[in-house]
N, C-alpha and C. Protein backbone atom coordinates (compact mmCIF):
# COMPACT_ATOMS: atom_id res chain seq x y z
N UNK A 1 14.96 203.71 -73.40
CA UNK A 1 15.40 202.61 -72.54
C UNK A 1 14.74 202.79 -71.15
N UNK A 2 14.78 203.96 -70.64
CA UNK A 2 14.27 204.24 -69.29
C UNK A 2 12.71 203.96 -69.38
N UNK A 3 12.07 204.32 -70.48
CA UNK A 3 10.61 204.03 -70.63
C UNK A 3 10.36 202.60 -70.56
N UNK A 4 11.19 201.80 -71.26
CA UNK A 4 11.02 200.37 -71.27
C UNK A 4 11.21 199.78 -69.86
N UNK A 5 12.17 200.26 -69.13
CA UNK A 5 12.39 199.80 -67.75
C UNK A 5 11.17 200.17 -66.87
N UNK A 6 10.69 201.37 -67.06
CA UNK A 6 9.59 201.78 -66.24
C UNK A 6 8.35 200.97 -66.55
N UNK A 7 8.14 200.69 -67.78
CA UNK A 7 6.98 199.80 -68.24
C UNK A 7 7.14 198.42 -67.57
N UNK A 8 8.31 197.88 -67.69
CA UNK A 8 8.58 196.62 -67.10
C UNK A 8 8.28 196.58 -65.56
N UNK A 9 8.78 197.58 -64.90
CA UNK A 9 8.62 197.68 -63.43
C UNK A 9 7.13 197.89 -63.11
N UNK A 10 6.47 198.69 -63.83
CA UNK A 10 4.96 198.91 -63.64
C UNK A 10 4.20 197.61 -63.78
N UNK A 11 4.59 196.81 -64.87
CA UNK A 11 3.93 195.57 -65.11
C UNK A 11 4.18 194.57 -63.91
N UNK A 12 5.37 194.64 -63.38
CA UNK A 12 5.72 193.68 -62.29
C UNK A 12 4.88 194.16 -61.00
N UNK A 13 4.52 195.40 -60.94
CA UNK A 13 3.82 195.99 -59.78
C UNK A 13 2.31 196.03 -60.07
N UNK A 14 1.74 195.20 -60.96
CA UNK A 14 0.36 195.19 -61.29
C UNK A 14 -0.04 196.56 -61.88
N UNK A 15 0.72 197.09 -62.81
CA UNK A 15 0.48 198.32 -63.44
C UNK A 15 0.46 199.57 -62.59
N UNK A 16 1.02 199.46 -61.41
CA UNK A 16 1.13 200.65 -60.48
C UNK A 16 2.47 201.33 -60.89
N UNK A 17 2.36 202.67 -61.17
CA UNK A 17 3.55 203.37 -61.53
C UNK A 17 4.60 203.23 -60.54
N UNK A 18 5.85 203.16 -60.98
CA UNK A 18 7.03 203.06 -60.07
C UNK A 18 7.14 204.32 -59.13
N UNK A 19 7.54 204.03 -57.92
CA UNK A 19 7.79 205.10 -57.00
C UNK A 19 8.90 206.05 -57.59
N UNK A 20 8.57 207.35 -57.67
CA UNK A 20 9.61 208.23 -58.27
C UNK A 20 10.88 208.31 -57.40
N UNK A 21 10.78 207.98 -56.13
CA UNK A 21 11.94 208.05 -55.23
C UNK A 21 12.77 206.77 -55.41
N UNK A 22 12.17 205.76 -55.98
CA UNK A 22 12.89 204.39 -56.13
C UNK A 22 13.79 204.48 -57.40
N UNK A 23 14.95 203.93 -57.29
CA UNK A 23 15.92 203.90 -58.41
C UNK A 23 15.43 202.89 -59.42
N UNK A 24 15.46 203.24 -60.75
CA UNK A 24 15.04 202.29 -61.81
C UNK A 24 16.33 201.48 -62.17
N UNK A 25 16.13 200.21 -61.98
CA UNK A 25 17.24 199.29 -62.41
C UNK A 25 17.02 198.85 -63.87
N UNK A 26 18.02 199.12 -64.69
CA UNK A 26 17.94 198.77 -66.14
C UNK A 26 18.58 197.47 -66.31
N UNK A 27 17.93 196.55 -67.12
CA UNK A 27 18.46 195.25 -67.45
C UNK A 27 18.68 195.23 -68.97
N UNK A 28 19.43 194.29 -69.46
CA UNK A 28 19.74 194.27 -70.93
C UNK A 28 18.47 194.27 -71.80
N UNK A 29 17.39 193.57 -71.39
CA UNK A 29 16.16 193.53 -72.17
C UNK A 29 15.62 194.91 -72.40
N UNK A 30 15.84 195.88 -71.47
CA UNK A 30 15.28 197.18 -71.67
C UNK A 30 15.88 197.88 -72.84
N UNK A 31 17.03 197.48 -73.33
CA UNK A 31 17.67 198.15 -74.47
C UNK A 31 17.01 197.67 -75.78
N UNK A 32 16.23 196.67 -75.80
CA UNK A 32 15.63 196.04 -76.98
C UNK A 32 14.33 196.73 -77.28
N UNK A 33 14.36 197.54 -78.33
CA UNK A 33 13.21 198.31 -78.74
C UNK A 33 12.44 197.81 -79.94
N UNK A 34 12.88 196.44 -80.27
CA UNK A 34 12.14 195.81 -81.39
C UNK A 34 10.76 195.34 -80.97
N UNK A 35 9.87 195.51 -81.88
CA UNK A 35 8.39 195.13 -81.56
C UNK A 35 8.31 193.59 -81.35
N UNK A 36 7.26 193.22 -80.65
CA UNK A 36 7.08 191.83 -80.47
C UNK A 36 6.75 191.12 -81.80
N UNK A 37 7.39 189.99 -82.07
CA UNK A 37 7.21 189.34 -83.36
C UNK A 37 8.06 189.84 -84.50
N UNK A 38 9.08 190.62 -84.15
CA UNK A 38 9.88 191.35 -85.14
C UNK A 38 10.57 190.37 -86.15
N UNK A 39 10.83 189.16 -85.62
CA UNK A 39 11.49 188.16 -86.51
C UNK A 39 10.74 187.83 -87.79
N UNK A 40 9.37 187.78 -87.65
CA UNK A 40 8.53 187.50 -88.80
C UNK A 40 8.48 188.66 -89.77
N UNK A 41 8.76 189.84 -89.30
CA UNK A 41 8.69 191.08 -90.07
C UNK A 41 10.01 191.33 -90.95
N UNK A 42 11.07 190.76 -90.44
CA UNK A 42 12.42 191.06 -91.04
C UNK A 42 12.58 190.25 -92.34
N UNK A 43 13.34 190.86 -93.20
CA UNK A 43 13.72 190.17 -94.49
C UNK A 43 15.11 190.76 -94.86
N UNK A 44 15.52 190.36 -96.06
CA UNK A 44 16.86 190.87 -96.57
C UNK A 44 16.85 192.33 -96.71
N UNK A 45 15.66 192.96 -96.93
CA UNK A 45 15.56 194.38 -97.16
C UNK A 45 15.20 195.16 -95.97
N UNK A 46 14.62 194.54 -94.94
CA UNK A 46 14.16 195.26 -93.77
C UNK A 46 14.54 194.54 -92.45
N UNK A 47 15.33 195.17 -91.66
CA UNK A 47 15.66 194.60 -90.33
C UNK A 47 15.50 195.66 -89.28
N UNK A 48 15.27 195.30 -88.09
CA UNK A 48 15.10 196.03 -86.93
C UNK A 48 16.50 196.21 -86.29
N UNK A 49 16.80 197.45 -85.76
CA UNK A 49 18.13 197.64 -85.15
C UNK A 49 18.32 196.64 -83.95
N UNK A 50 19.48 196.10 -83.83
CA UNK A 50 19.84 195.25 -82.74
C UNK A 50 20.06 196.10 -81.47
N UNK A 51 19.69 195.61 -80.28
CA UNK A 51 19.94 196.33 -79.04
C UNK A 51 21.45 196.44 -78.84
N UNK A 52 21.94 197.53 -78.26
CA UNK A 52 23.37 197.73 -78.11
C UNK A 52 23.99 196.57 -77.18
N UNK A 53 23.24 195.98 -76.27
CA UNK A 53 23.83 194.96 -75.43
C UNK A 53 24.06 193.77 -76.27
N UNK A 54 23.29 193.44 -77.31
CA UNK A 54 23.48 192.28 -78.21
C UNK A 54 24.70 192.61 -79.11
N UNK A 55 24.87 193.80 -79.58
CA UNK A 55 26.03 194.19 -80.39
C UNK A 55 27.30 194.01 -79.62
N UNK A 56 27.27 194.56 -78.42
CA UNK A 56 28.53 194.48 -77.58
C UNK A 56 28.88 193.00 -77.33
N UNK A 57 27.87 192.18 -77.01
CA UNK A 57 28.22 190.82 -76.74
C UNK A 57 28.79 190.09 -77.98
N UNK A 58 28.21 190.41 -79.13
CA UNK A 58 28.77 189.88 -80.38
C UNK A 58 30.15 190.23 -80.64
N UNK A 59 30.46 191.51 -80.36
CA UNK A 59 31.83 192.03 -80.54
C UNK A 59 32.84 191.42 -79.56
N UNK A 60 32.37 191.19 -78.29
CA UNK A 60 33.24 190.56 -77.37
C UNK A 60 33.51 189.14 -77.73
N UNK A 61 32.53 188.44 -78.21
CA UNK A 61 32.78 187.06 -78.69
C UNK A 61 33.73 186.99 -79.85
N UNK A 62 33.49 187.91 -80.84
CA UNK A 62 34.42 187.92 -81.99
C UNK A 62 35.92 188.23 -81.59
N UNK A 63 36.06 189.17 -80.70
CA UNK A 63 37.40 189.50 -80.32
C UNK A 63 38.00 188.39 -79.49
N UNK A 64 37.18 187.70 -78.66
CA UNK A 64 37.69 186.51 -77.88
C UNK A 64 38.10 185.39 -78.81
N UNK A 65 37.35 185.17 -79.84
CA UNK A 65 37.60 184.10 -80.75
C UNK A 65 38.76 184.44 -81.74
N UNK A 66 38.95 185.67 -82.18
CA UNK A 66 39.83 186.03 -83.17
C UNK A 66 41.01 186.91 -82.73
N UNK A 67 40.85 187.58 -81.58
CA UNK A 67 41.89 188.38 -81.02
C UNK A 67 42.40 189.43 -82.05
N UNK A 68 43.74 189.58 -82.11
CA UNK A 68 44.29 190.54 -82.95
C UNK A 68 44.36 190.17 -84.44
N UNK A 69 43.80 188.97 -84.83
CA UNK A 69 43.85 188.58 -86.15
C UNK A 69 42.77 189.22 -87.03
N UNK A 70 42.03 190.10 -86.47
CA UNK A 70 40.97 190.87 -87.19
C UNK A 70 41.57 191.99 -87.93
N UNK A 71 41.81 191.85 -89.23
CA UNK A 71 42.32 192.93 -90.08
C UNK A 71 41.20 193.95 -90.31
N UNK A 72 41.60 195.17 -90.65
CA UNK A 72 40.61 196.20 -90.97
C UNK A 72 39.68 195.69 -92.03
N UNK A 73 38.42 195.88 -91.88
CA UNK A 73 37.42 195.32 -92.85
C UNK A 73 36.95 193.92 -92.58
N UNK A 74 37.76 193.13 -91.86
CA UNK A 74 37.49 191.72 -91.64
C UNK A 74 36.24 191.63 -90.70
N UNK A 75 36.23 192.52 -89.74
CA UNK A 75 35.06 192.52 -88.78
C UNK A 75 33.76 192.68 -89.46
N UNK A 76 33.70 193.68 -90.39
CA UNK A 76 32.50 193.87 -91.19
C UNK A 76 32.10 192.63 -91.98
N UNK A 77 33.09 191.92 -92.59
CA UNK A 77 32.79 190.72 -93.24
C UNK A 77 32.22 189.66 -92.41
N UNK A 78 32.82 189.50 -91.22
CA UNK A 78 32.34 188.49 -90.26
C UNK A 78 30.95 188.78 -89.75
N UNK A 79 30.66 190.10 -89.42
CA UNK A 79 29.40 190.47 -88.90
C UNK A 79 28.30 190.31 -90.01
N UNK A 80 28.57 190.74 -91.24
CA UNK A 80 27.63 190.54 -92.30
C UNK A 80 27.34 189.09 -92.58
N UNK A 81 28.39 188.27 -92.60
CA UNK A 81 28.18 186.85 -92.85
C UNK A 81 27.36 186.16 -91.85
N UNK A 82 27.56 186.48 -90.56
CA UNK A 82 26.78 185.85 -89.51
C UNK A 82 25.29 186.33 -89.56
N UNK A 83 25.08 187.57 -89.86
CA UNK A 83 23.72 188.17 -90.00
C UNK A 83 23.06 187.53 -91.14
N UNK A 84 23.70 187.41 -92.30
CA UNK A 84 23.13 186.86 -93.51
C UNK A 84 22.73 185.34 -93.32
N UNK A 85 23.60 184.59 -92.68
CA UNK A 85 23.31 183.26 -92.41
C UNK A 85 22.15 182.98 -91.57
N UNK A 86 21.92 183.86 -90.62
CA UNK A 86 20.80 183.80 -89.70
C UNK A 86 19.45 184.01 -90.46
N UNK A 87 19.50 184.78 -91.52
CA UNK A 87 18.35 185.05 -92.31
C UNK A 87 18.24 184.15 -93.55
N UNK A 88 19.13 183.22 -93.69
CA UNK A 88 19.13 182.33 -94.81
C UNK A 88 19.58 182.88 -96.13
N UNK A 89 20.30 184.05 -96.03
CA UNK A 89 20.82 184.65 -97.24
C UNK A 89 22.06 183.89 -97.68
N UNK A 90 22.37 183.82 -98.95
CA UNK A 90 23.55 183.11 -99.47
C UNK A 90 24.79 184.07 -99.36
N UNK A 91 25.89 183.52 -98.99
CA UNK A 91 27.15 184.30 -99.00
C UNK A 91 27.89 184.03 -100.25
N UNK A 92 28.36 185.10 -100.98
CA UNK A 92 29.10 184.92 -102.23
C UNK A 92 30.51 185.27 -102.03
């Protein structure tokens, strides 16, 4: 993640390395380690790990929408269904 932030900052500074005395500011995009064009590479059998910021936001949204009504195991069902639908997989 820090490497990603440093690369982003170096790119913003015309590929000049960041000043080691300067604090590195990490943004949500820095957590995304998926390669460019990853969507085209993914299938039902192969997916890239989601960045933790995306996972946390999904969990917050699910909790806000469902609150305490999420029974044990229900969260997994909801997450799998939403991921499957995005890839065009059928839910049974």
